[in-house]
Every structure is written in structure tokens, then in C-alpha cells.
Amino acid sequence: MTVPDSAPAVAAAEPVPSASFGEALRFWLKLGFISFGGPAGQIAIMHTELVERRRWISEKRFLHALNYCMVLPGPEAQQLATYLGWLMHRTRGGVAAGVLFVLPSLFLLILLSWVYIAFGNLPVVAGLFHGIKPAVTAIVLQAAWRIGSRALQNGVLWAIAAASFVAIFALGLPFPLIVLGAALIGFVGGRLAPTRFAAGGGHGKPARHFGAALIDDHTPTPDHARFKASRLALVLAVGALLWLVPMGALMAIQGWSGTLTQMGWFFTKAALLTFGGAYAVLPYVYQGAVSHYGWVTPTQMIDGLALGETTPGPLIMVVAFVAFAGGWQSADLAALFGPDRLFLAGAVAATLVTWFTFLPSFLFILAGGPLVESTHDDLNFTGPLTAITAAVVGVIVNLALFFGYHVFWPLGFSGPFDAVSALIALAAAIALFRFKRSVIQVIAACALAGLAVHLV
């Protein structure tokens, strides 16, 4: 095997590694508990462990799978784990990898949501969140900057970002319509002016080689990963049943207007709109959860995002907090489960919402994976994806303004300006932008600052 000059030196006779299903299972469980740092950090962990250290897959095959996950709606790191688990150990491997990526986060968020809802009025808890809220505002602003600095490479993309901001901030257009409009612009623009829409989405750096891998550059595609129309039909049929059965049960129990039914339907739509990461879909979530359904208040939405930032797993898991809080505070769920079983109502809501949010991700991988494995060339979806990513920047800026308004003027513009929160937000922004501190460090420091101010 020839190793590129730029790659680390590897012994020619280095053995090809092996990975049993049990060994993979232990790794995916470990990953579920250590996957902090957002999608970039999570993908970096998988690359280090699976490509460099364990050599379960070559970098070229790893990047090929990642490019596919990048163009899908949904959390790309969780989908990448599902893809790699499926490629190594068939459907059971993909399901195990994807579920274990999410499960620790779900349990932690149910616990933290309960503490927040049940004990949020205690001085200690209230003080901690007094500092966390401004930090979240700075974190969202940093997300807009991070995505924008990578995505907005020319005037056309800047114009799309500005138009999306005006559309959601001034015109109040729904997020799905903005995504659709951006995708159409990218589709047309990618053909009329391809150089203008060639900026985002891919990972085009040359692949390095770290030694013989279990799934190497030229390893034949395993039988289960080869495309078969019958297998695709089976996956789609099973996926439809896995959605229809729980949704039908919810309608039978609560009717179409019931809280759990509406949550299932709303977060199914949200799952299909998460192009560009969790920050992209958060405006849609707050439009629905705060403004339309009233499951949570604006303040609770900000606090839920803070909890999501401090737990492992994909940030979109903030939907579990929204569902728990909405279930706990819902009158029809209190009647269904009993007024003394509000924790059960919230936990059931969070679990169901997690199911409906992540089911499409599994289907995208299990149904689309064989098509992706049929070619190891780069996928050519960059036009629509680049335009959507540009639009996402404008939407996230609007989200930062939304959070800032509710943090700095908690009683509205007619009320007093919270100078302490503004100072904490400024300090958080300096720590993030200037000193490159991690999100966890910033949230912890701001929480302690908020507690000190609250107690004093």
C-alpha cells in the first residue's frame, strides 16, 4: 500500500484492525457521554477515535460519509455515527450508534429539566440562570459569526443572509418558507453562476492515510450496503410504520389537538428542516413552541438552550427540554397522567419528541446509505446547501436579537434595562471571541457570576 508523502509514516506490514459488534457498542456508548463541543467537536472525536487511533475506517471513506450527512436535514454528527455504525455492522450497528449518541443526553436533559421546572424559583437556581441567560445570547451570536465567516464568501451570499434576516425579523415569514426560498435560489444560482454557490458544505481537503483500515479506501462495499430496490422499499415501509403507529396511538388517546399529538407533528416537521445545524432550526422551534403553541415562555426557551449546551449529544436535544416543560405545564397532560404525576407527563413528552425528531435521521441513513456507497465521488448538492447556510446566518442573527431582547429587557422595552446581564453578556462575548474559551467554560463562569450577583 502506498502512503502519501504528507501522511504519517506507517509500517508496511501493519495489521488490519478488527471491530466486533460488542467493541463497537462500547465505543458508541462512551461517545454518547463525551460528545461535547457541538457537531465540530463531536466529528473531531469520531475522526480521532475511528480514523486515527482504532483505524476502523479510512479518512477518505469517513469524509465521504460526512459529506452526505452534511447535506441532510438533521444533526450531522449523530447521522455520521449512525452511518459508520451501519457500514460496519449492518442495521443493528447503525441503530445502536445513533441511539447511544442521543440516549445519555435525553436522560440528562430530563433530569435537568425536572430540576429547573420544580426548583427554578430557589435563589441558588435562579441566580445560576441569571448568569447563564446572557451567556447564551453571546453563544448564539458567536454561532452566527462562526457560520457566517465560513459561509458568506461573496456578495450574493451576503444578500441572501440579509434577505433572510429581513424575512423573519421584519416580515415574520415562517422558517420553512425561508429555507425553501433559499434552496430554490441555490438550485438556480448553482447552475447560472456556479462559482458564487460553491462555497459551503463540503470537506474538500485531501484525505490523509493513517494505516490499513478495517474499511479502507478500496475495501469493497459490503453486501448489506449495496443498493437494492427491495431493501429500500422495506426500510421506507418500516420507517412509515414507526411514525404512523405512535402518531395513531396519540390521536386515539388525545385526538389531533392533544398536546402530545401536536408535539409529535410539529417536531417531525422540525426534523425535516434542520439544514445548517441546530441553531438554524431553533428559530422555527421558538416560533412554534413559544409563539404558536405556548408550550414554553421565551425565558424558558433561553434556559433550555443553556441546558442543551451543557449536556453531551446534539444541540437539537433542546427539544427534549421544550417537550418536558410543555408536558409538565400542559393542562390536558395533567388530566391524562394525573396532577401528581407531572414528572411522568414531562418525561413521556420528552421521549416522544426525541423519537419523532430523530426518526427521520435514521431513515435518511438506512435508506440513502446504499446510494451513497455506490459512488465514492463527492456529492454535488453544494448550490442549495450553500444558499440555505447563508440564509441560516440571517436567521441566527435574528435569534440572537430575540434572546438579547428578553435578557436585557425582561419586562419589555417599557421596563428597566438589565445592565448586569448586559455586562455578563459582554464578558461572555469577549471570552468566546477574543480568548477562544469553550462554551462549557463560559457558561460555568457566567453561572457563577450570576449566582454571586443574585445572592448579593
Protein backbone atom coordinates (compact mmCIF):
# COMPACT_ATOMS: atom_id res chain seq x y z
CA MET A 1 0.00 0.00 0.00
CA THR A 2 1.42 3.38 -1.00
CA VAL A 3 1.30 6.06 1.65
CA PRO A 4 1.20 9.74 0.56
CA ASP A 5 4.30 11.74 1.46
CA SER A 6 2.23 14.08 3.63
CA ALA A 7 0.85 11.24 5.73
CA PRO A 8 2.41 9.91 8.92
CA ALA A 9 4.85 7.09 8.38
CA VAL A 10 3.11 3.72 8.71
CA ALA A 11 4.74 0.32 8.77
CA ALA A 12 4.07 -1.54 5.55
CA ALA A 13 3.14 -4.74 7.36
CA GLU A 14 0.79 -3.07 9.84
CA PRO A 15 -2.14 -5.41 10.51
CA VAL A 16 -5.67 -4.51 9.54
CA PRO A 17 -7.69 -3.84 12.71
CA SER A 18 -10.91 -5.63 13.63
CA ALA A 19 -14.02 -4.42 15.43
CA SER A 20 -16.59 -6.75 16.95
CA PHE A 21 -20.14 -5.53 17.48
CA GLY A 22 -19.60 -5.59 21.24
CA GLU A 23 -16.46 -3.46 20.95
CA ALA A 24 -18.28 -1.00 18.72
CA LEU A 25 -21.22 -0.92 21.14
CA ARG A 26 -18.91 0.07 24.00
CA PHE A 27 -17.40 2.85 21.90
CA TRP A 28 -20.77 4.28 20.83
CA LEU A 29 -21.92 4.30 24.48
CA LYS A 30 -18.73 6.10 25.52
CA LEU A 31 -19.20 8.61 22.69
CA GLY A 32 -22.72 9.39 23.92
CA PHE A 33 -21.27 10.56 27.25
CA ILE A 34 -18.27 12.54 25.94
CA SER A 35 -19.74 14.16 22.81
CA PHE A 36 -19.47 17.76 23.96
CA GLY A 37 -18.42 20.66 21.77
CA GLY A 38 -21.19 20.73 19.18
CA PRO A 39 -21.01 18.96 15.81
CA ALA A 40 -17.44 20.10 15.09
CA GLY A 41 -16.19 18.69 18.39
CA GLN A 42 -18.23 15.51 18.03
CA ILE A 43 -16.99 14.85 14.49
CA ALA A 44 -13.42 15.54 15.65
CA ILE A 45 -13.78 12.93 18.41
CA MET A 46 -15.04 10.35 15.91
CA HIS A 47 -12.22 11.14 13.49
CA THR A 48 -9.58 10.80 16.19
CA GLU A 49 -11.00 7.56 17.56
CA LEU A 50 -12.24 5.79 14.43
CA VAL A 51 -9.83 7.01 11.73
CA GLU A 52 -6.59 7.72 13.55
CA ARG A 53 -6.50 5.51 16.63
CA ARG A 54 -8.71 2.48 16.01
CA ARG A 55 -8.46 2.61 12.17
CA TRP A 56 -11.98 1.23 11.71
CA ILE A 57 -12.44 3.38 8.60
CA SER A 58 -10.11 5.31 6.30
CA GLU A 59 -10.21 9.09 6.22
CA LYS A 60 -11.39 9.11 2.61
CA ARG A 61 -14.39 6.92 3.42
CA PHE A 62 -15.01 8.90 6.62
CA LEU A 63 -15.12 12.21 4.69
CA HIS A 64 -17.30 10.69 2.01
CA ALA A 65 -19.86 9.68 4.65
CA LEU A 66 -19.58 13.11 6.28
CA ASN A 67 -20.24 14.92 3.00
CA TYR A 68 -23.52 13.01 2.68
CA CYS A 69 -24.54 13.80 6.27
CA MET A 70 -23.72 17.47 5.68
CA VAL A 71 -26.41 17.81 3.00
CA LEU A 72 -29.12 16.12 5.07
CA PRO A 73 -31.52 17.84 7.42
CA GLY A 74 -30.79 16.74 10.95
CA PRO A 75 -27.81 16.58 13.33
CA GLU A 76 -24.86 15.67 11.12
CA ALA A 77 -22.68 14.20 13.89
CA GLN A 78 -25.42 11.82 15.03
CA GLN A 79 -26.13 10.85 11.43
CA LEU A 80 -22.43 10.25 10.82
CA ALA A 81 -22.27 7.93 13.83
CA THR A 82 -25.34 6.11 12.52
CA TYR A 83 -23.78 5.81 9.04
CA LEU A 84 -20.48 4.43 10.34
CA GLY A 85 -22.22 2.01 12.69
CA TRP A 86 -24.41 0.81 9.81
CA LEU A 87 -21.46 0.44 7.44
CA MET A 88 -19.58 -1.73 9.94
CA HIS A 89 -22.36 -3.79 11.50
CA ARG A 90 -25.45 -3.57 9.32
CA THR A 91 -28.75 -2.08 10.52
CA ARG A 92 -28.26 -3.09 14.16
CA GLY A 93 -24.92 -1.26 14.18
CA GLY A 94 -26.44 1.90 12.75
CA VAL A 95 -29.38 1.88 15.15
CA ALA A 96 -27.09 1.21 18.14
CA ALA A 97 -24.68 4.00 17.19
CA GLY A 98 -27.43 6.54 16.57
CA VAL A 99 -29.44 5.69 19.68
CA LEU A 100 -26.45 5.65 22.04
CA PHE A 101 -25.35 9.02 20.65
CA VAL A 102 -28.63 10.52 21.88
CA LEU A 103 -29.70 8.44 24.89
CA PRO A 104 -27.33 9.87 27.58
CA SER A 105 -28.32 13.39 26.55
CA LEU A 106 -32.02 12.52 26.81
CA PHE A 107 -31.67 11.13 30.34
CA LEU A 108 -29.56 14.09 31.48
CA LEU A 109 -31.95 16.65 30.00
CA ILE A 110 -35.00 15.02 31.58
CA LEU A 111 -33.23 15.20 34.95
CA LEU A 112 -32.03 18.79 34.47
CA SER A 113 -35.41 19.89 33.11
CA TRP A 114 -37.10 18.48 36.21
CA VAL A 115 -34.67 20.34 38.49
CA TYR A 116 -35.26 23.54 36.52
CA ILE A 117 -39.06 23.31 36.44
CA ALA A 118 -39.53 22.04 40.00
CA PHE A 119 -36.85 24.09 41.76
CA GLY A 120 -36.19 27.01 39.39
CA ASN A 121 -37.55 29.56 41.86
CA LEU A 122 -34.97 28.69 44.52
CA PRO A 123 -32.44 31.52 44.94
CA VAL A 124 -29.46 29.35 44.02
CA VAL A 125 -31.04 28.03 40.81
CA ALA A 126 -32.46 31.45 39.87
CA GLY A 127 -29.04 33.03 40.41
CA LEU A 128 -27.28 30.49 38.23
CA PHE A 129 -29.69 31.07 35.37
CA HIS A 130 -29.39 34.83 35.80
CA GLY A 131 -25.82 34.44 34.62
CA ILE A 132 -26.47 31.71 32.07
CA LYS A 133 -29.03 33.65 30.02
CA PRO A 134 -26.63 36.43 28.94
CA ALA A 135 -24.01 33.77 28.13
CA VAL A 136 -26.45 32.03 25.81
CA THR A 137 -27.06 35.31 23.97
CA ALA A 138 -23.31 35.63 23.35
CA ILE A 139 -23.07 31.96 22.32
CA VAL A 140 -25.80 32.35 19.70
CA LEU A 141 -24.11 35.48 18.36
CA GLN A 142 -20.83 33.55 18.12
CA ALA A 143 -22.63 30.79 16.22
CA ALA A 144 -23.82 33.35 13.67
CA TRP A 145 -20.28 34.69 13.32
CA ARG A 146 -18.73 31.22 13.05
CA ILE A 147 -21.15 30.04 10.37
CA GLY A 148 -21.15 33.38 8.57
CA SER A 149 -17.36 33.68 8.37
CA ARG A 150 -17.27 30.28 6.67
CA ALA A 151 -20.38 30.56 4.51
CA LEU A 152 -20.63 34.18 3.31
CA GLN A 153 -17.85 34.20 0.73
CA ASN A 154 -19.33 36.69 -1.76
CA GLY A 155 -21.90 39.43 -2.16
CA VAL A 156 -24.66 37.11 -3.37
CA LEU A 157 -24.46 35.02 -0.20
CA TRP A 158 -24.37 38.16 1.95
CA ALA A 159 -27.53 39.33 0.16
CA ILE A 160 -29.26 36.01 0.89
CA ALA A 161 -28.31 36.28 4.58
CA ALA A 162 -29.63 39.85 4.75
CA ALA A 163 -32.84 38.91 2.97
CA SER A 164 -33.47 36.00 5.35
CA PHE A 165 -32.97 38.31 8.33
CA VAL A 166 -35.48 40.81 6.96
CA ALA A 167 -37.89 38.00 6.11
CA ILE A 168 -38.01 36.60 9.62
CA PHE A 169 -37.41 39.80 11.65
CA ALA A 170 -39.48 42.37 9.78
CA LEU A 171 -41.93 40.28 7.75
CA GLY A 172 -42.41 37.41 10.22
CA LEU A 173 -42.22 34.78 7.49
CA PRO A 174 -42.13 31.18 8.72
CA PHE A 175 -38.75 29.46 8.77
CA PRO A 176 -39.74 26.62 6.36
CA LEU A 177 -40.61 29.20 3.70
CA ILE A 178 -37.22 30.88 4.15
CA VAL A 179 -35.40 27.54 3.79
CA LEU A 180 -37.42 26.68 0.68
CA GLY A 181 -36.74 30.06 -0.90
CA ALA A 182 -33.01 29.80 -0.20
CA ALA A 183 -32.88 26.27 -1.62
CA LEU A 184 -34.57 27.41 -4.83
CA ILE A 185 -32.17 30.33 -5.17
CA GLY A 186 -29.25 27.97 -4.63
CA PHE A 187 -30.61 25.44 -7.10
CA VAL A 188 -31.00 28.02 -9.86
CA GLY A 189 -27.91 30.02 -8.92
CA GLY A 190 -25.75 26.91 -8.79
CA ARG A 191 -26.45 26.41 -12.48
CA LEU A 192 -26.37 30.03 -13.66
CA ALA A 193 -23.40 31.15 -11.53
CA PRO A 194 -21.80 28.02 -10.04
CA THR A 195 -18.74 29.84 -8.68
CA ARG A 196 -20.99 32.01 -6.50
CA PHE A 197 -22.56 28.95 -4.84
CA ALA A 198 -19.51 26.72 -4.50
CA ALA A 199 -18.62 27.92 -1.02
CA GLY A 200 -20.10 25.80 1.72
CA GLY A 201 -20.99 22.34 2.63
CA GLY A 202 -18.14 20.10 1.72
CA HIS A 203 -14.92 18.90 3.26
CA GLY A 204 -12.63 19.10 0.30
CA LYS A 205 -9.18 18.71 1.91
CA PRO A 206 -7.12 15.81 0.58
CA ALA A 207 -7.58 12.69 2.67
CA ARG A 208 -4.63 11.51 4.76
CA HIS A 209 -3.78 7.92 5.47
CA PHE A 210 -3.19 6.56 8.96
CA GLY A 211 -2.51 2.93 8.08
CA ALA A 212 -4.50 -0.07 6.96
CA ALA A 213 -8.14 0.37 7.98
CA LEU A 214 -10.95 -2.09 8.53
CA ILE A 215 -12.92 -0.19 5.87
CA ASP A 216 -10.16 1.18 3.66
CA ASP A 217 -10.21 3.38 0.57
CA HIS A 218 -10.63 0.44 -1.77
CA THR A 219 -12.43 -2.02 0.51
CA PRO A 220 -15.37 -3.46 -1.47
CA THR A 221 -18.78 -2.27 -0.34
CA PRO A 222 -20.28 -4.95 1.94
CA ASP A 223 -23.39 -6.75 0.72
CA HIS A 224 -25.75 -5.02 3.16
CA ALA A 225 -24.56 -1.60 1.90
CA ARG A 226 -25.24 -2.35 -1.77
CA PHE A 227 -28.33 -0.71 -3.23
CA LYS A 228 -31.36 -2.96 -3.70
CA ALA A 229 -34.79 -1.60 -4.53
CA SER A 230 -36.44 -4.24 -2.32
CA ARG A 231 -34.31 -3.22 0.65
CA LEU A 232 -35.10 0.47 0.10
CA ALA A 233 -38.83 -0.32 -0.03
CA LEU A 234 -38.53 -2.31 3.22
CA VAL A 235 -36.71 0.50 5.02
CA LEU A 236 -39.28 3.07 3.91
CA ALA A 237 -42.19 0.81 4.89
CA VAL A 238 -40.73 0.14 8.35
CA GLY A 239 -39.99 3.84 8.79
CA ALA A 240 -43.55 4.76 7.87
CA LEU A 241 -44.89 2.27 10.42
CA LEU A 242 -42.55 3.57 13.12
CA TRP A 243 -44.03 7.02 12.56
CA LEU A 244 -47.66 6.08 11.94
CA VAL A 245 -48.11 3.68 14.88
CA PRO A 246 -47.14 6.11 17.68
CA MET A 247 -48.86 9.01 15.93
CA GLY A 248 -52.02 6.94 15.50
CA ALA A 249 -51.87 5.92 19.16
CA LEU A 250 -51.53 9.55 20.24
CA MET A 251 -54.50 10.55 18.11
CA ALA A 252 -56.56 7.71 19.59
CA ILE A 253 -55.67 8.79 23.12
CA GLN A 254 -55.71 12.58 22.81
CA GLY A 255 -57.13 13.46 19.41
CA TRP A 256 -55.45 15.65 16.83
CA SER A 257 -55.43 18.75 19.04
CA GLY A 258 -53.84 16.99 22.04
CA THR A 259 -50.51 18.29 23.30
CA LEU A 260 -48.58 15.07 22.61
CA THR A 261 -50.08 14.72 19.14
CA GLN A 262 -49.24 18.30 18.22
CA MET A 263 -45.74 17.90 19.62
CA GLY A 264 -45.19 14.78 17.51
CA TRP A 265 -46.40 16.51 14.37
CA PHE A 266 -44.54 19.77 14.99
CA PHE A 267 -41.18 18.15 15.76
CA THR A 268 -41.49 15.81 12.79
CA LYS A 269 -41.64 18.94 10.62
CA ALA A 270 -38.76 20.47 12.57
CA ALA A 271 -36.65 17.35 11.95
CA LEU A 272 -37.02 17.86 8.21
CA LEU A 273 -35.90 21.50 8.40
CA THR A 274 -32.65 21.30 10.35
CA PHE A 275 -30.40 22.23 7.42
CA GLY A 276 -27.35 24.02 8.75
CA GLY A 277 -27.39 22.60 12.26
CA ALA A 278 -29.45 23.06 15.39
CA TYR A 279 -29.05 26.84 15.51
CA ALA A 280 -30.76 27.01 12.14
CA VAL A 281 -33.91 25.28 13.33
CA LEU A 282 -34.10 26.98 16.74
CA PRO A 283 -35.95 29.99 15.28
CA TYR A 284 -38.57 27.61 13.91
CA VAL A 285 -38.79 25.85 17.28
CA TYR A 286 -39.30 29.08 19.16
CA GLN A 287 -41.84 30.28 16.59
CA GLY A 288 -43.87 27.15 17.28
CA ALA A 289 -43.12 26.32 20.91
CA VAL A 290 -43.24 29.90 22.22
CA SER A 291 -45.42 31.95 19.90
CA HIS A 292 -47.87 29.44 18.41
CA TYR A 293 -48.39 26.68 20.98
CA GLY A 294 -47.20 28.41 24.16
CA TRP A 295 -45.50 25.27 25.48
CA VAL A 296 -42.69 27.36 26.97
CA THR A 297 -42.06 31.03 27.67
CA PRO A 298 -39.27 33.00 25.96
CA THR A 299 -37.25 32.87 29.17
CA GLN A 300 -37.68 29.11 29.45
CA MET A 301 -36.58 28.73 25.82
CA ILE A 302 -33.33 30.56 26.57
CA ASP A 303 -32.77 28.49 29.71
CA GLY A 304 -33.47 25.30 27.78
CA LEU A 305 -30.84 26.19 25.21
CA ALA A 306 -28.37 26.73 28.06
CA LEU A 307 -29.13 23.26 29.41
CA GLY A 308 -28.70 21.82 25.93
CA GLU A 309 -25.29 23.49 25.62
CA THR A 310 -24.07 21.92 28.88
CA THR A 311 -25.00 18.32 28.08
CA PRO A 312 -23.37 15.87 25.63
CA GLY A 313 -25.08 14.96 22.39
CA PRO A 314 -26.54 17.09 19.59
CA LEU A 315 -27.74 20.57 20.49
CA ILE A 316 -31.10 19.85 18.87
CA MET A 317 -31.77 17.84 22.04
CA VAL A 318 -33.03 21.15 23.43
CA VAL A 319 -36.34 19.91 22.02
CA ALA A 320 -36.42 17.41 24.92
CA PHE A 321 -36.42 20.33 27.36
CA VAL A 322 -39.16 22.11 25.40
CA ALA A 323 -41.27 18.94 25.46
CA PHE A 324 -40.64 18.25 29.16
CA ALA A 325 -41.54 21.80 30.16
CA GLY A 326 -44.55 21.81 27.85
CA GLY A 327 -45.71 18.43 29.16
CA TRP A 328 -45.26 19.47 32.79
CA GLN A 329 -47.25 22.69 32.24
CA SER A 330 -49.94 21.20 29.98
CA ALA A 331 -53.46 21.03 31.37
CA ASP A 332 -54.54 18.11 29.17
CA LEU A 333 -51.48 16.05 30.16
CA ALA A 334 -52.13 16.82 33.83
CA ALA A 335 -55.63 15.42 33.30
CA LEU A 336 -54.27 12.41 31.39
CA PHE A 337 -51.49 11.42 33.81
CA GLY A 338 -52.85 12.98 37.00
CA PRO A 339 -51.86 16.25 38.70
CA ASP A 340 -49.40 14.41 40.97
CA ARG A 341 -47.55 12.81 38.04
CA LEU A 342 -46.25 15.85 36.23
CA PHE A 343 -42.74 14.41 36.04
CA LEU A 344 -44.13 11.40 34.17
CA ALA A 345 -46.03 13.69 31.81
CA GLY A 346 -42.89 15.69 31.07
CA ALA A 347 -40.69 12.60 30.66
CA VAL A 348 -43.16 10.94 28.26
CA ALA A 349 -43.40 14.16 26.22
CA ALA A 350 -39.60 14.49 26.05
CA THR A 351 -39.17 10.85 24.99
CA LEU A 352 -41.85 11.05 22.31
CA VAL A 353 -40.48 14.28 20.89
CA THR A 354 -36.99 12.77 20.77
CA TRP A 355 -38.45 9.81 18.85
CA PHE A 356 -40.16 12.00 16.25
CA THR A 357 -37.16 14.32 15.95
CA PHE A 358 -34.57 11.61 15.26
CA LEU A 359 -36.58 9.00 13.34
CA PRO A 360 -36.04 10.82 10.01
CA SER A 361 -32.28 10.86 10.62
CA PHE A 362 -32.17 7.07 10.87
CA LEU A 363 -34.28 6.70 7.75
CA PHE A 364 -32.06 9.08 5.75
CA ILE A 365 -29.02 6.93 6.58
CA LEU A 366 -30.55 3.46 6.23
CA ALA A 367 -32.37 4.38 3.02
CA GLY A 368 -29.77 6.66 1.44
CA GLY A 369 -26.57 4.98 2.61
CA PRO A 370 -26.54 2.31 -0.14
CA LEU A 371 -26.95 5.02 -2.78
CA VAL A 372 -24.00 6.92 -1.30
CA GLU A 373 -21.85 3.79 -1.15
CA SER A 374 -22.49 3.21 -4.84
CA THR A 375 -20.08 6.07 -5.59
CA HIS A 376 -17.12 7.40 -3.68
CA ASP A 377 -17.07 10.69 -5.57
CA ASP A 378 -18.08 13.96 -3.91
CA LEU A 379 -21.81 14.67 -3.85
CA ASN A 380 -22.91 17.68 -5.89
CA PHE A 381 -25.53 19.33 -3.69
CA THR A 382 -23.49 22.40 -2.83
CA GLY A 383 -25.69 25.02 -4.55
CA PRO A 384 -28.86 24.65 -2.47
CA LEU A 385 -26.87 23.84 0.68
CA THR A 386 -24.67 26.93 0.32
CA ALA A 387 -27.72 29.18 -0.13
CA ILE A 388 -29.52 27.59 2.83
CA THR A 389 -26.43 28.04 5.00
CA ALA A 390 -26.25 31.71 4.01
CA ALA A 391 -29.92 32.16 4.89
CA VAL A 392 -29.31 30.44 8.21
CA VAL A 393 -26.82 33.17 9.18
CA GLY A 394 -29.52 35.84 8.94
CA VAL A 395 -31.96 33.67 10.88
CA ILE A 396 -29.46 33.08 13.70
CA VAL A 397 -28.74 36.81 13.98
CA ASN A 398 -32.47 37.28 14.49
CA LEU A 399 -32.38 34.58 17.17
CA ALA A 400 -29.57 36.40 18.98
CA LEU A 401 -31.60 39.63 18.93
CA PHE A 402 -34.64 37.73 20.21
CA PHE A 403 -32.65 36.33 23.13
CA GLY A 404 -30.97 39.67 23.82
CA TYR A 405 -34.30 41.47 23.99
CA HIS A 406 -35.72 39.06 26.58
CA VAL A 407 -32.50 39.03 28.63
CA PHE A 408 -31.66 42.74 28.67
CA TRP A 409 -35.28 43.96 28.91
CA PRO A 410 -37.01 41.14 30.82
CA LEU A 411 -40.15 43.27 31.28
CA GLY A 412 -40.15 44.62 27.73
CA PHE A 413 -38.77 47.88 26.32
CA SER A 414 -41.06 49.79 28.66
CA GLY A 415 -39.28 48.18 31.63
CA PRO A 416 -35.78 48.76 33.03
CA PHE A 417 -32.60 47.75 31.19
CA ASP A 418 -30.73 44.91 32.95
CA ALA A 419 -27.21 46.33 32.99
CA VAL A 420 -25.80 43.36 34.94
CA SER A 421 -26.97 40.90 32.30
CA ALA A 422 -25.52 43.13 29.58
CA LEU A 423 -22.13 43.18 31.34
CA ILE A 424 -22.18 39.39 31.73
CA ALA A 425 -23.07 39.00 28.04
CA LEU A 426 -20.21 41.33 27.07
CA ALA A 427 -17.76 39.36 29.21
CA ALA A 428 -19.02 36.11 27.67
CA ALA A 429 -18.58 37.52 24.16
CA ILE A 430 -15.00 38.62 24.94
CA ALA A 431 -14.22 35.17 26.35
CA LEU A 432 -15.63 33.46 23.27
CA PHE A 433 -14.34 35.77 20.53
CA ARG A 434 -11.08 37.08 21.97
CA PHE A 435 -9.85 34.32 24.24
CA LYS A 436 -11.46 31.37 22.41
CA ARG A 437 -12.81 29.80 25.60
CA SER A 438 -15.11 26.79 25.28
CA VAL A 439 -18.88 27.04 25.63
CA ILE A 440 -18.83 24.93 28.81
CA GLN A 441 -16.22 27.19 30.44
CA VAL A 442 -18.13 30.35 29.52
CA ILE A 443 -21.46 29.02 30.78
CA ALA A 444 -19.90 27.84 34.06
CA ALA A 445 -18.17 31.18 34.69
CA CYS A 446 -21.28 33.21 33.84
CA ALA A 447 -23.45 30.96 36.02
CA LEU A 448 -21.18 31.62 38.99
CA ALA A 449 -21.19 35.36 38.24
CA GLY A 450 -24.98 35.36 38.09
CA LEU A 451 -25.20 33.46 41.37
CA ALA A 452 -22.84 35.92 43.09
CA VAL A 453 -24.84 38.92 41.86
CA HIS A 454 -28.14 37.29 42.80
CA LEU A 455 -27.05 36.43 46.32
CA VAL A 456 -25.50 39.85 46.91
